[in-house]
Amino acid sequence: MTLFDKKVGARVKGLRIKTGLSQQELANKMKISRVSLSQIENGERKVCAQEITELSKIFNISTDMLLNLEKDIVVKLEESNIPNQIKKEEMRIRVPQKNLGKFKEALLYILNKVGSKPNIGETVIYKLLYFIDFNFYEKYEEQFIGATYIKNHYGPTPKEFHKIIETMENRDLIKVKDTFFRYPQTKYLPKRAADLTKLNAIETNIIDDVLKKLSDMTASQISDYSHNDVPWLTTEDGQRIDYEKVFYRTQPYSVRIDSGKNI
């Protein structure tokens, strides 16, 4: 289990204690065994999406507040008149090693596939990269591109994007300033095909699945869509989005639910 699982378990245990519930009482409310709850609280077992939803109902807080380990929680139960406050816990995230070669080839693969579409500007590309990276991590528990995504008002933003673009501009791609529905837009057009020797079939399949589902969305539509994904929801503004949070996704975002039918 990961540090994130241990933090989630500690949060569940803290909420249980603060609200005066025994392990058996909370387990009964969740419809799981006391042993399973003990494993969750000790960080030895992941909390599934359905259990996160159940816990949010039991503790009367939103799922994003439950999973946001850096934010204070005020517990409000129907049977309790006095709210109790949980102390803020610090979550430390390990920064993954970036694979710049894969980033470049994945970006070129995307641009060759959908870059000519009028809606595909920089904002849409940011979100496509985010869903490619996070879907891959959820499905295979490994990094693909491994970019660092920051939460901002418009959705997840890959921190390294512009530095990498600087190394690619005029050689691998060209940057074009344009408008889309009278809004300014930055487009990137490929000057060469992606080097598929650097992308395997599993990686291109993940890219293709994301493009099939999301590449027709406008910047506004895909930004709004990203705002309901658990990793984005449970991250503070301006902070790095933790890859481990994909394991708490719900429909329609999870790529594991329903035997991988959803993207």
C-alpha atoms as a PDB file:
ATOM      1  CA  MET A   1       0.000   0.000   0.000  1.00  0.00           C
ATOM      2  CA  THR A   2       1.078   3.587  -0.602  1.00  0.00           C
ATOM      3  CA  LEU A   3       1.563   6.584   1.653  1.00  0.00           C
ATOM      4  CA  PHE A   4      -1.699   7.950   0.248  1.00  0.00           C
ATOM      5  CA  ASP A   5      -3.569   4.780   1.384  1.00  0.00           C
ATOM      6  CA  LYS A   6      -2.120   5.172   4.882  1.00  0.00           C
ATOM      7  CA  LYS A   7      -3.191   8.826   4.980  1.00  0.00           C
ATOM      8  CA  VAL A   8      -6.714   7.939   3.838  1.00  0.00           C
ATOM      9  CA  GLY A   9      -6.871   5.204   6.488  1.00  0.00           C
ATOM     10  CA  ALA A  10      -5.695   7.627   9.167  1.00  0.00           C
ATOM     11  CA  ARG A  11      -8.370  10.104   8.067  1.00  0.00           C
ATOM     12  CA  VAL A  12     -11.113   7.457   8.270  1.00  0.00           C
ATOM     13  CA  LYS A  13      -9.912   6.382  11.718  1.00  0.00           C
ATOM     14  CA  GLY A  14      -9.731   9.985  12.900  1.00  0.00           C
ATOM     15  CA  LEU A  15     -13.250  10.715  11.700  1.00  0.00           C
ATOM     16  CA  ARG A  16     -14.557   7.545  13.335  1.00  0.00           C
ATOM     17  CA  ILE A  17     -12.984   8.389  16.686  1.00  0.00           C
ATOM     18  CA  LYS A  18     -14.058  12.031  16.589  1.00  0.00           C
ATOM     19  CA  THR A  19     -17.659  11.018  15.870  1.00  0.00           C
ATOM     20  CA  GLY A  20     -17.697   8.461  18.672  1.00  0.00           C
ATOM     21  CA  LEU A  21     -18.120   5.334  16.556  1.00  0.00           C
ATOM     22  CA  SER A  22     -16.511   2.006  17.360  1.00  0.00           C
ATOM     23  CA  GLN A  23     -14.879   0.010  14.574  1.00  0.00           C
ATOM     24  CA  GLN A  24     -17.777  -2.441  14.636  1.00  0.00           C
ATOM     25  CA  GLU A  25     -20.378   0.337  14.438  1.00  0.00           C
ATOM     26  CA  LEU A  26     -18.687   1.992  11.461  1.00  0.00           C
ATOM     27  CA  ALA A  27     -18.116  -1.376   9.766  1.00  0.00           C
ATOM     28  CA  ASN A  28     -21.842  -2.149  10.157  1.00  0.00           C
ATOM     29  CA  LYS A  29     -22.780   1.199   8.595  1.00  0.00           C
ATOM     30  CA  MET A  30     -20.379   0.522   5.688  1.00  0.00           C
ATOM     31  CA  LYS A  31     -21.658  -3.086   5.355  1.00  0.00           C
ATOM     32  CA  ILE A  32     -18.158  -4.527   5.620  1.00  0.00           C
ATOM     33  CA  SER A  33     -16.432  -6.648   8.271  1.00  0.00           C
ATOM     34  CA  ARG A  34     -14.631  -5.075  11.226  1.00  0.00           C
ATOM     35  CA  VAL A  35     -11.421  -6.741   9.970  1.00  0.00           C
ATOM     36  CA  SER A  36     -11.792  -4.984   6.599  1.00  0.00           C
ATOM     37  CA  LEU A  37     -12.295  -1.636   8.322  1.00  0.00           C
ATOM     38  CA  SER A  38      -9.235  -2.260  10.503  1.00  0.00           C
ATOM     39  CA  GLN A  39      -7.188  -2.955   7.362  1.00  0.00           C
ATOM     40  CA  ILE A  40      -8.432   0.302   5.808  1.00  0.00           C
ATOM     41  CA  GLU A  41      -7.572   2.321   8.906  1.00  0.00           C
ATOM     42  CA  ASN A  42      -4.091   0.781   9.043  1.00  0.00           C
ATOM     43  CA  GLY A  43      -3.442   1.524   5.368  1.00  0.00           C
ATOM     44  CA  GLU A  44      -3.328  -2.179   4.497  1.00  0.00           C
ATOM     45  CA  ARG A  45      -6.333  -2.070   2.147  1.00  0.00           C
ATOM     46  CA  LYS A  46      -7.510   0.470  -0.411  1.00  0.00           C
ATOM     47  CA  VAL A  47     -10.904   2.078   0.033  1.00  0.00           C
ATOM     48  CA  CYS A  48     -12.970   1.365  -3.071  1.00  0.00           C
ATOM     49  CA  ALA A  49     -15.089   4.035  -4.780  1.00  0.00           C
ATOM     50  CA  GLN A  50     -18.352   2.660  -3.338  1.00  0.00           C
ATOM     51  CA  GLU A  51     -16.898   2.732   0.194  1.00  0.00           C
ATOM     52  CA  ILE A  52     -15.732   6.329  -0.281  1.00  0.00           C
ATOM     53  CA  THR A  53     -19.294   7.254  -1.249  1.00  0.00           C
ATOM     54  CA  GLU A  54     -20.636   5.376   1.821  1.00  0.00           C
ATOM     55  CA  LEU A  55     -18.168   7.112   4.149  1.00  0.00           C
ATOM     56  CA  SER A  56     -19.081  10.532   2.779  1.00  0.00           C
ATOM     57  CA  LYS A  57     -22.733   9.819   3.610  1.00  0.00           C
ATOM     58  CA  ILE A  58     -21.948   8.467   7.079  1.00  0.00           C
ATOM     59  CA  PHE A  59     -19.767  11.445   8.023  1.00  0.00           C
ATOM     60  CA  ASN A  60     -21.943  13.929   6.089  1.00  0.00           C
ATOM     61  CA  ILE A  61     -19.080  15.370   4.063  1.00  0.00           C
ATOM     62  CA  SER A  62     -18.362  15.425   0.320  1.00  0.00           C
ATOM     63  CA  THR A  63     -16.092  12.777  -1.207  1.00  0.00           C
ATOM     64  CA  ASP A  64     -13.602  15.450  -2.294  1.00  0.00           C
ATOM     65  CA  MET A  65     -13.370  16.743   1.291  1.00  0.00           C
ATOM     66  CA  LEU A  66     -12.938  13.194   2.557  1.00  0.00           C
ATOM     67  CA  LEU A  67      -9.998  12.563   0.219  1.00  0.00           C
ATOM     68  CA  ASN A  68      -8.448  16.026   0.495  1.00  0.00           C
ATOM     69  CA  LEU A  69      -5.850  15.178   3.123  1.00  0.00           C
ATOM     70  CA  GLU A  70      -4.504  18.718   3.339  1.00  0.00           C
ATOM     71  CA  LYS A  71      -7.795  20.393   4.233  1.00  0.00           C
ATOM     72  CA  ASP A  72      -9.501  20.690   7.594  1.00  0.00           C
ATOM     73  CA  ILE A  73     -12.783  18.840   7.996  1.00  0.00           C
ATOM     74  CA  VAL A  74     -15.734  19.785  10.151  1.00  0.00           C
ATOM     75  CA  VAL A  75     -17.693  16.641  10.976  1.00  0.00           C
ATOM     76  CA  LYS A  76     -21.469  17.003  11.007  1.00  0.00           C
ATOM     77  CA  LEU A  77     -23.520  13.926  11.844  1.00  0.00           C
ATOM     78  CA  GLU A  78     -27.298  14.047  12.094  1.00  0.00           C
ATOM     79  CA  GLU A  79     -27.229  12.643  15.628  1.00  0.00           C
ATOM     80  CA  SER A  80     -24.559  15.119  16.789  1.00  0.00           C
ATOM     81  CA  ASN A  81     -25.258  18.758  17.621  1.00  0.00           C
ATOM     82  CA  ILE A  82     -21.632  19.807  18.077  1.00  0.00           C
ATOM     83  CA  PRO A  83     -19.300  19.682  15.073  1.00  0.00           C
ATOM     84  CA  ASN A  84     -15.827  18.303  15.716  1.00  0.00           C
ATOM     85  CA  GLN A  85     -12.762  19.435  13.842  1.00  0.00           C
ATOM     86  CA  ILE A  86     -10.007  17.203  12.519  1.00  0.00           C
ATOM     87  CA  LYS A  87      -6.456  18.540  12.470  1.00  0.00           C
ATOM     88  CA  LYS A  88      -4.844  19.172   9.111  1.00  0.00           C
ATOM     89  CA  GLU A  89      -2.631  16.330   7.911  1.00  0.00           C
ATOM     90  CA  GLU A  90       0.318  16.808   5.577  1.00  0.00           C
ATOM     91  CA  MET A  91       0.476  14.714   2.414  1.00  0.00           C
ATOM     92  CA  ARG A  92       3.860  14.362   0.764  1.00  0.00           C
ATOM     93  CA  ILE A  93       3.886  13.239  -2.839  1.00  0.00           C
ATOM     94  CA  ARG A  94       6.853  11.580  -4.506  1.00  0.00           C
ATOM     95  CA  VAL A  95       7.693  13.340  -7.759  1.00  0.00           C
ATOM     96  CA  PRO A  96       8.050  10.746 -10.560  1.00  0.00           C
ATOM     97  CA  GLN A  97      10.966  10.763 -12.993  1.00  0.00           C
ATOM     98  CA  LYS A  98       9.862  12.435 -16.198  1.00  0.00           C
ATOM     99  CA  ASN A  99      10.209  10.619 -19.478  1.00  0.00           C
ATOM    100  CA  LEU A 100      10.748  13.520 -21.830  1.00  0.00           C
ATOM    101  CA  GLY A 101      11.159  11.289 -24.888  1.00  0.00           C
ATOM    102  CA  LYS A 102       7.742   9.736 -24.345  1.00  0.00           C
ATOM    103  CA  PHE A 103       6.243  13.163 -23.682  1.00  0.00           C
ATOM    104  CA  LYS A 104       7.454  14.449 -27.051  1.00  0.00           C
ATOM    105  CA  GLU A 105       6.384  11.389 -29.033  1.00  0.00           C
ATOM    106  CA  ALA A 106       3.012  11.148 -27.275  1.00  0.00           C
ATOM    107  CA  LEU A 107       2.373  14.826 -28.020  1.00  0.00           C
ATOM    108  CA  LEU A 108       3.301  14.358 -31.678  1.00  0.00           C
ATOM    109  CA  TYR A 109       1.070  11.267 -31.841  1.00  0.00           C
ATOM    110  CA  ILE A 110      -1.835  13.352 -30.494  1.00  0.00           C
ATOM    111  CA  LEU A 111      -1.150  16.230 -32.882  1.00  0.00           C
ATOM    112  CA  ASN A 112      -0.949  13.950 -35.907  1.00  0.00           C
ATOM    113  CA  LYS A 113      -4.245  12.352 -34.917  1.00  0.00           C
ATOM    114  CA  VAL A 114      -6.345  15.368 -33.907  1.00  0.00           C
ATOM    115  CA  GLY A 115      -4.174  18.509 -34.023  1.00  0.00           C
ATOM    116  CA  SER A 116      -5.873  19.834 -37.163  1.00  0.00           C
ATOM    117  CA  LYS A 117      -9.316  19.862 -35.523  1.00  0.00           C
ATOM    118  CA  PRO A 118     -10.423  23.477 -34.940  1.00  0.00           C
ATOM    119  CA  ASN A 119     -11.117  22.863 -31.226  1.00  0.00           C
ATOM    120  CA  ILE A 120      -7.682  21.397 -30.446  1.00  0.00           C
ATOM    121  CA  GLY A 121      -5.786  24.249 -28.846  1.00  0.00           C
ATOM    122  CA  GLU A 122      -3.386  24.332 -25.935  1.00  0.00           C
ATOM    123  CA  THR A 123      -6.075  24.029 -23.226  1.00  0.00           C
ATOM    124  CA  VAL A 124      -7.588  20.916 -24.788  1.00  0.00           C
ATOM    125  CA  ILE A 125      -4.119  19.363 -25.221  1.00  0.00           C
ATOM    126  CA  TYR A 126      -3.405  19.910 -21.518  1.00  0.00           C
ATOM    127  CA  LYS A 127      -6.507  17.926 -20.558  1.00  0.00           C
ATOM    128  CA  LEU A 128      -5.891  15.176 -23.117  1.00  0.00           C
ATOM    129  CA  LEU A 129      -2.389  14.672 -21.698  1.00  0.00           C
ATOM    130  CA  TYR A 130      -3.790  14.622 -18.158  1.00  0.00           C
ATOM    131  CA  PHE A 131      -6.357  11.928 -18.925  1.00  0.00           C
ATOM    132  CA  ILE A 132      -3.821   9.881 -20.895  1.00  0.00           C
ATOM    133  CA  ASP A 133      -1.355   9.997 -18.004  1.00  0.00           C
ATOM    134  CA  PHE A 134      -3.851   9.374 -15.220  1.00  0.00           C
ATOM    135  CA  ASN A 135      -5.832   6.689 -17.078  1.00  0.00           C
ATOM    136  CA  PHE A 136      -2.610   4.817 -17.785  1.00  0.00           C
ATOM    137  CA  TYR A 137      -1.563   5.028 -14.134  1.00  0.00           C
ATOM    138  CA  GLU A 138      -4.961   3.828 -12.910  1.00  0.00           C
ATOM    139  CA  LYS A 139      -5.053   0.891 -15.317  1.00  0.00           C
ATOM    140  CA  TYR A 140      -1.434  -0.286 -15.125  1.00  0.00           C
ATOM    141  CA  GLU A 141      -0.121   1.319 -11.893  1.00  0.00           C
ATOM    142  CA  GLU A 142       2.898   2.636 -13.815  1.00  0.00           C
ATOM    143  CA  GLN A 143       3.933   6.017 -15.171  1.00  0.00           C
ATOM    144  CA  PHE A 144       3.507   6.701 -18.887  1.00  0.00           C
ATOM    145  CA  ILE A 145       4.495  10.313 -19.570  1.00  0.00           C
ATOM    146  CA  GLY A 146       4.683  11.084 -15.861  1.00  0.00           C
ATOM    147  CA  ALA A 147       4.196  14.835 -16.167  1.00  0.00           C
ATOM    148  CA  THR A 148       3.514  16.996 -13.108  1.00  0.00           C
ATOM    149  CA  TYR A 149      -0.049  18.335 -13.287  1.00  0.00           C
ATOM    150  CA  ILE A 150      -1.062  21.430 -11.337  1.00  0.00           C
ATOM    151  CA  LYS A 151      -4.648  22.256 -10.387  1.00  0.00           C
ATOM    152  CA  ASN A 152      -5.781  25.628 -11.679  1.00  0.00           C
ATOM    153  CA  HIS A 153      -9.091  27.280 -12.539  1.00  0.00           C
ATOM    154  CA  TYR A 154      -9.116  25.809 -16.062  1.00  0.00           C
ATOM    155  CA  GLY A 155      -8.307  22.251 -14.988  1.00  0.00           C
ATOM    156  CA  PRO A 156      -5.093  20.178 -14.811  1.00  0.00           C
ATOM    157  CA  THR A 157      -2.036  21.822 -16.381  1.00  0.00           C
ATOM    158  CA  PRO A 158       1.223  19.940 -17.165  1.00  0.00           C
ATOM    159  CA  LYS A 159       3.964  21.991 -15.521  1.00  0.00           C
ATOM    160  CA  GLU A 160       6.703  20.932 -17.951  1.00  0.00           C
ATOM    161  CA  PHE A 161       4.722  21.608 -21.129  1.00  0.00           C
ATOM    162  CA  HIS A 162       6.193  24.942 -22.233  1.00  0.00           C
ATOM    163  CA  LYS A 163       9.791  23.954 -21.499  1.00  0.00           C
ATOM    164  CA  ILE A 164       9.370  20.858 -23.651  1.00  0.00           C
ATOM    165  CA  ILE A 165       7.636  22.832 -26.401  1.00  0.00           C
ATOM    166  CA  GLU A 166      10.641  25.176 -26.510  1.00  0.00           C
ATOM    167  CA  THR A 167      12.861  22.213 -27.392  1.00  0.00           C
ATOM    168  CA  MET A 168      10.437  21.039 -30.104  1.00  0.00           C
ATOM    169  CA  GLU A 169       9.379  24.287 -31.756  1.00  0.00           C
ATOM    170  CA  ASN A 170      10.334  24.726 -35.428  1.00  0.00           C
ATOM    171  CA  ARG A 171      11.949  21.292 -35.471  1.00  0.00           C
ATOM    172  CA  ASP A 172       9.187  18.881 -34.419  1.00  0.00           C
ATOM    173  CA  LEU A 173       6.185  21.217 -34.453  1.00  0.00           C
ATOM    174  CA  ILE A 174       5.111  24.784 -35.110  1.00  0.00           C
ATOM    175  CA  LYS A 175       3.101  27.058 -32.827  1.00  0.00           C
ATOM    176  CA  VAL A 176       0.217  28.973 -34.375  1.00  0.00           C
ATOM    177  CA  LYS A 177      -1.837  31.766 -32.831  1.00  0.00           C
ATOM    178  CA  ASP A 178      -5.459  31.461 -33.921  1.00  0.00           C
ATOM    179  CA  THR A 179      -9.035  32.040 -32.774  1.00  0.00           C
ATOM    180  CA  PHE A 180     -11.817  29.565 -32.065  1.00  0.00           C
ATOM    181  CA  PHE A 181     -15.331  30.980 -31.694  1.00  0.00           C
ATOM    182  CA  ARG A 182     -13.692  34.415 -31.417  1.00  0.00           C
ATOM    183  CA  TYR A 183     -11.540  33.300 -28.475  1.00  0.00           C
ATOM    184  CA  PRO A 184      -7.730  33.424 -28.799  1.00  0.00           C
ATOM    185  CA  GLN A 185      -6.229  29.991 -29.237  1.00  0.00           C
ATOM    186  CA  THR A 186      -2.708  28.572 -29.378  1.00  0.00           C
ATOM    187  CA  LYS A 187      -2.422  25.596 -31.708  1.00  0.00           C
ATOM    188  CA  TYR A 188       0.470  23.211 -32.291  1.00  0.00           C
ATOM    189  CA  LEU A 189       0.898  21.526 -35.664  1.00  0.00           C
ATOM    190  CA  PRO A 190       3.303  18.584 -36.122  1.00  0.00           C
ATOM    191  CA  LYS A 191       6.205  18.755 -38.556  1.00  0.00           C
ATOM    192  CA  ARG A 192       6.909  15.039 -38.345  1.00  0.00           C
ATOM    193  CA  ALA A 193       5.210  11.794 -37.412  1.00  0.00           C
ATOM    194  CA  ALA A 194       5.628  10.356 -33.919  1.00  0.00           C
ATOM    195  CA  ASP A 195       8.432   7.841 -33.471  1.00  0.00           C
ATOM    196  CA  LEU A 196       6.369   4.754 -32.673  1.00  0.00           C
ATOM    197  CA  THR A 197       9.451   2.827 -31.583  1.00  0.00           C
ATOM    198  CA  LYS A 198       9.244   4.916 -28.393  1.00  0.00           C
ATOM    199  CA  LEU A 199       5.542   4.167 -27.798  1.00  0.00           C
ATOM    200  CA  ASN A 200       4.276   0.633 -27.313  1.00  0.00           C
ATOM    201  CA  ALA A 201       0.842  -0.722 -28.279  1.00  0.00           C
ATOM    202  CA  ILE A 202      -0.569  -0.383 -24.758  1.00  0.00           C
ATOM    203  CA  GLU A 203       0.445   3.289 -24.637  1.00  0.00           C
ATOM    204  CA  THR A 204      -1.005   4.137 -28.056  1.00  0.00           C
ATOM    205  CA  ASN A 205      -4.219   2.299 -27.126  1.00  0.00           C
ATOM    206  CA  ILE A 206      -4.636   4.502 -24.051  1.00  0.00           C
ATOM    207  CA  ILE A 207      -4.034   7.605 -26.182  1.00  0.00           C
ATOM    208  CA  ASP A 208      -6.501   6.431 -28.829  1.00  0.00           C
ATOM    209  CA  ASP A 209      -9.187   5.710 -26.215  1.00  0.00           C
ATOM    210  CA  VAL A 210      -8.852   9.183 -24.691  1.00  0.00           C
ATOM    211  CA  LEU A 211      -8.868  10.883 -28.101  1.00  0.00           C
ATOM    212  CA  LYS A 212     -11.946   8.927 -29.165  1.00  0.00           C
ATOM    213  CA  LYS A 213     -13.872  10.081 -26.107  1.00  0.00           C
ATOM    214  CA  LEU A 214     -12.605  13.618 -25.513  1.00  0.00           C
ATOM    215  CA  SER A 215     -10.973  15.118 -28.606  1.00  0.00           C
ATOM    216  CA  ASP A 216     -14.225  16.613 -29.960  1.00  0.00           C
ATOM    217  CA  MET A 217     -14.774  18.660 -26.796  1.00  0.00           C
ATOM    218  CA  THR A 218     -14.161  22.392 -26.721  1.00  0.00           C
ATOM    219  CA  ALA A 219     -11.750  23.881 -24.193  1.00  0.00           C
ATOM    220  CA  SER A 220     -14.679  24.821 -21.964  1.00  0.00           C
ATOM    221  CA  GLN A 221     -16.291  21.383 -22.197  1.00  0.00           C
ATOM    222  CA  ILE A 222     -13.141  19.383 -21.446  1.00  0.00           C
ATOM    223  CA  SER A 223     -12.188  21.754 -18.601  1.00  0.00           C
ATOM    224  CA  ASP A 224     -15.612  21.291 -17.008  1.00  0.00           C
ATOM    225  CA  TYR A 225     -15.295  17.530 -17.501  1.00  0.00           C
ATOM    226  CA  SER A 226     -11.887  17.439 -15.787  1.00  0.00           C
ATOM    227  CA  HIS A 227     -13.303  19.337 -12.800  1.00  0.00           C
ATOM    228  CA  ASN A 228     -15.352  16.307 -11.740  1.00  0.00           C
ATOM    229  CA  ASP A 229     -12.459  13.841 -11.745  1.00  0.00           C
ATOM    230  CA  VAL A 230     -11.511  12.823  -8.180  1.00  0.00           C
ATOM    231  CA  PRO A 231      -7.777  13.656  -8.494  1.00  0.00           C
ATOM    232  CA  TRP A 232      -8.624  17.235  -9.512  1.00  0.00           C
ATOM    233  CA  LEU A 233     -11.503  17.573  -7.036  1.00  0.00           C
ATOM    234  CA  THR A 234      -9.382  16.545  -4.071  1.00  0.00           C
ATOM    235  CA  THR A 235      -6.418  18.831  -4.761  1.00  0.00           C
ATOM    236  CA  GLU A 236      -5.966  22.382  -3.487  1.00  0.00           C
ATOM    237  CA  ASP A 237      -5.759  25.184  -6.077  1.00  0.00           C
ATOM    238  CA  GLY A 238      -2.217  25.628  -7.335  1.00  0.00           C
ATOM    239  CA  GLN A 239      -1.023  22.311  -5.914  1.00  0.00           C
ATOM    240  CA  ARG A 240       0.339  19.218  -7.643  1.00  0.00           C
ATOM    241  CA  ILE A 241      -2.260  16.534  -8.442  1.00  0.00           C
ATOM    242  CA  ASP A 242      -1.333  13.171  -6.909  1.00  0.00           C
ATOM    243  CA  TYR A 243      -1.447  10.199  -9.283  1.00  0.00           C
ATOM    244  CA  GLU A 244      -2.428   7.861  -6.428  1.00  0.00           C
ATOM    245  CA  LYS A 245      -5.861   9.507  -6.263  1.00  0.00           C
ATOM    246  CA  VAL A 246      -6.920   7.776  -9.484  1.00  0.00           C
ATOM    247  CA  PHE A 247      -7.646   4.671  -7.408  1.00  0.00           C
ATOM    248  CA  TYR A 248     -10.607   6.506  -5.844  1.00  0.00           C
ATOM    249  CA  ARG A 249     -12.235   7.499  -9.129  1.00  0.00           C
ATOM    250  CA  THR A 250     -15.910   6.850  -9.761  1.00  0.00           C
ATOM    251  CA  GLN A 251     -17.879   6.560 -13.007  1.00  0.00           C
ATOM    252  CA  PRO A 252     -17.534   7.738 -15.711  1.00  0.00           C
ATOM    253  CA  TYR A 253     -13.838   8.475 -15.104  1.00  0.00           C
ATOM    254  CA  SER A 254     -12.498   5.145 -13.870  1.00  0.00           C
ATOM    255  CA  VAL A 255     -10.900   2.903 -16.484  1.00  0.00           C
ATOM    256  CA  ARG A 256     -11.190  -0.103 -14.164  1.00  0.00           C
ATOM    257  CA  ILE A 257     -14.927  -0.004 -13.446  1.00  0.00           C
ATOM    258  CA  ASP A 258     -17.050  -2.351 -15.567  1.00  0.00           C
ATOM    259  CA  SER A 259     -14.025  -4.324 -16.767  1.00  0.00           C
ATOM    260  CA  GLY A 260     -12.400  -1.275 -18.337  1.00  0.00           C
ATOM    261  CA  LYS A 261     -15.346  -0.181 -20.480  1.00  0.00           C
ATOM    262  CA  ASN A 262     -15.136   3.402 -19.252  1.00  0.00           C
ATOM    263  CA  ILE A 263     -12.401   5.897 -20.002  1.00  0.00           C
END
